């Protein structure tokens, strides 16, 4: 694969177009993963409340028991996995935006060089 500085102007423009299409896909993935994480995160109190009802005793005992339950542990693992996927998708999305900015800069500089040679 050629390095960016070795690409012709049409190849650079094609690369920009390709990255822009990919940005839309990665953006949609980022939004979906962020939404999934936020939805799971908002369920924390609901899940904890439901788990508390399966224990008897004082409120402190119910909460401690619910927090220590395998169901709550599974919820927290799922939330952690969703958070990780969300952050990874954000990194991919942001990195792709950065690559597009670099491509745009290269294209702009190349156009400027071409104009200078024509003059």
Protein backbone atom coordinates (compact mmCIF):
# COMPACT_ATOMS: atom_id res chain seq x y z
CA UNK A 1 0.00 0.00 0.00
CA UNK A 2 1.25 3.44 -0.91
CA UNK A 3 1.92 6.05 1.71
CA UNK A 4 -0.24 9.18 1.61
CA UNK A 5 2.50 11.39 0.19
CA UNK A 6 2.93 8.91 -2.70
CA UNK A 7 -0.73 9.05 -3.77
CA UNK A 8 -1.89 11.03 -6.79
CA UNK A 9 -4.54 13.70 -6.38
CA UNK A 10 -7.38 11.44 -7.66
CA UNK A 11 -6.18 8.67 -5.32
CA UNK A 12 -6.17 11.09 -2.39
CA UNK A 13 -9.68 12.24 -3.20
CA UNK A 14 -10.84 8.63 -3.51
CA UNK A 15 -9.24 7.85 -0.14
CA UNK A 16 -11.02 10.83 1.41
CA UNK A 17 -14.34 9.68 -0.02
CA UNK A 18 -13.77 6.17 1.30
CA UNK A 19 -12.85 7.41 4.77
CA UNK A 20 -15.90 9.70 4.80
CA UNK A 21 -18.21 6.75 4.06
CA UNK A 22 -16.47 4.75 6.78
CA UNK A 23 -16.88 7.69 9.19
CA UNK A 24 -20.64 7.48 8.80
CA UNK A 25 -20.58 3.76 9.59
CA UNK A 26 -18.28 4.24 12.59
CA UNK A 27 -20.39 7.19 13.76
CA UNK A 28 -23.53 5.06 13.72
CA UNK A 29 -21.71 2.31 15.60
CA UNK A 30 -20.45 4.84 18.14
CA UNK A 31 -23.96 6.21 18.73
CA UNK A 32 -25.42 2.71 19.11
CA UNK A 33 -22.76 1.62 21.60
CA UNK A 34 -23.04 4.87 23.56
CA UNK A 35 -26.81 4.49 23.73
CA UNK A 36 -26.53 0.87 24.83
CA UNK A 37 -24.10 1.79 27.61
CA UNK A 38 -26.24 4.71 28.80
CA UNK A 39 -29.40 2.58 28.79
CA UNK A 40 -27.70 -0.15 30.82
CA UNK A 41 -26.26 2.44 33.17
CA UNK A 42 -29.71 3.90 33.83
CA UNK A 43 -31.00 0.48 34.89
CA UNK A 44 -28.72 0.33 37.93
CA UNK A 45 -31.30 1.52 40.48
CA UNK A 46 -34.08 -0.59 38.96
CA UNK A 47 -32.00 -3.77 39.07
CA UNK A 48 -30.79 -3.07 42.58
CA UNK A 49 -34.36 -2.40 43.77
CA UNK A 50 -35.64 -5.64 42.24
CA UNK A 51 -32.81 -7.63 43.76
CA UNK A 52 -33.46 -6.11 47.20
CA UNK A 53 -36.99 -7.54 47.20
CA UNK A 54 -35.61 -11.07 47.18
CA UNK A 55 -33.93 -10.58 50.58
CA UNK A 56 -35.40 -10.18 54.04
CA UNK A 57 -34.07 -8.03 56.86
CA UNK A 58 -33.07 -4.42 57.29
CA UNK A 59 -32.65 -2.08 54.32
CA UNK A 60 -28.89 -2.12 54.84
CA UNK A 61 -28.83 -5.93 54.79
CA UNK A 62 -31.04 -6.06 51.67
CA UNK A 63 -28.83 -3.59 49.83
CA UNK A 64 -25.61 -5.33 50.85
CA UNK A 65 -27.05 -8.70 49.84
CA UNK A 66 -28.31 -7.33 46.51
CA UNK A 67 -24.94 -5.74 45.75
CA UNK A 68 -23.20 -9.04 46.52
CA UNK A 69 -25.61 -11.17 44.48
CA UNK A 70 -24.48 -13.01 41.32
CA UNK A 71 -27.23 -11.25 39.33
CA UNK A 72 -25.89 -7.82 40.25
CA UNK A 73 -22.34 -8.96 39.55
CA UNK A 74 -23.45 -10.13 36.08
CA UNK A 75 -25.14 -6.78 35.51
CA UNK A 76 -21.95 -4.93 36.47
CA UNK A 77 -19.87 -7.15 34.15
CA UNK A 78 -22.28 -6.45 31.30
CA UNK A 79 -22.15 -2.74 32.07
CA UNK A 80 -18.36 -2.85 32.08
CA UNK A 81 -18.31 -4.63 28.72
CA UNK A 82 -20.76 -2.09 27.27
CA UNK A 83 -18.59 0.76 28.59
CA UNK A 84 -15.49 -0.76 27.00
CA UNK A 85 -17.24 -1.21 23.64
CA UNK A 86 -18.51 2.37 23.83
CA UNK A 87 -15.04 3.75 24.54
CA UNK A 88 -13.45 1.63 21.82
CA UNK A 89 -16.02 2.80 19.28
CA UNK A 90 -15.38 6.40 20.33
CA UNK A 91 -11.65 5.93 19.78
CA UNK A 92 -12.26 4.46 16.31
CA UNK A 93 -14.60 7.30 15.42
CA UNK A 94 -12.26 10.03 16.69
CA UNK A 95 -9.24 8.44 15.01
CA UNK A 96 -11.07 8.30 11.70
CA UNK A 97 -12.01 11.99 12.02
CA UNK A 98 -8.34 12.76 12.61
CA UNK A 99 -7.30 10.75 9.54
CA UNK A 100 -9.85 12.63 7.44
CA UNK A 101 -8.47 15.95 8.68
CA UNK A 102 -4.96 14.84 7.73
CA UNK A 103 -6.18 13.80 4.27
CA UNK A 104 -7.92 17.15 3.78
CA UNK A 105 -4.75 18.97 4.77
CA UNK A 106 -2.66 16.90 2.36
CA UNK A 107 -5.15 17.51 -0.46
CA UNK A 108 -5.22 21.24 0.28
CA UNK A 109 -1.43 21.43 0.34
CA UNK A 110 -1.19 19.42 -2.87
CA UNK A 111 -3.65 21.75 -4.63
CA UNK A 112 -1.64 24.73 -3.48
CA UNK A 113 1.54 23.17 -4.83
CA UNK A 114 -0.14 22.46 -8.17
CA UNK A 115 -1.32 26.08 -8.40
CA UNK A 116 2.20 27.33 -7.74
CA UNK A 117 3.65 25.12 -10.48
CA UNK A 118 1.01 26.30 -12.96
CA UNK A 119 1.78 29.97 -12.27
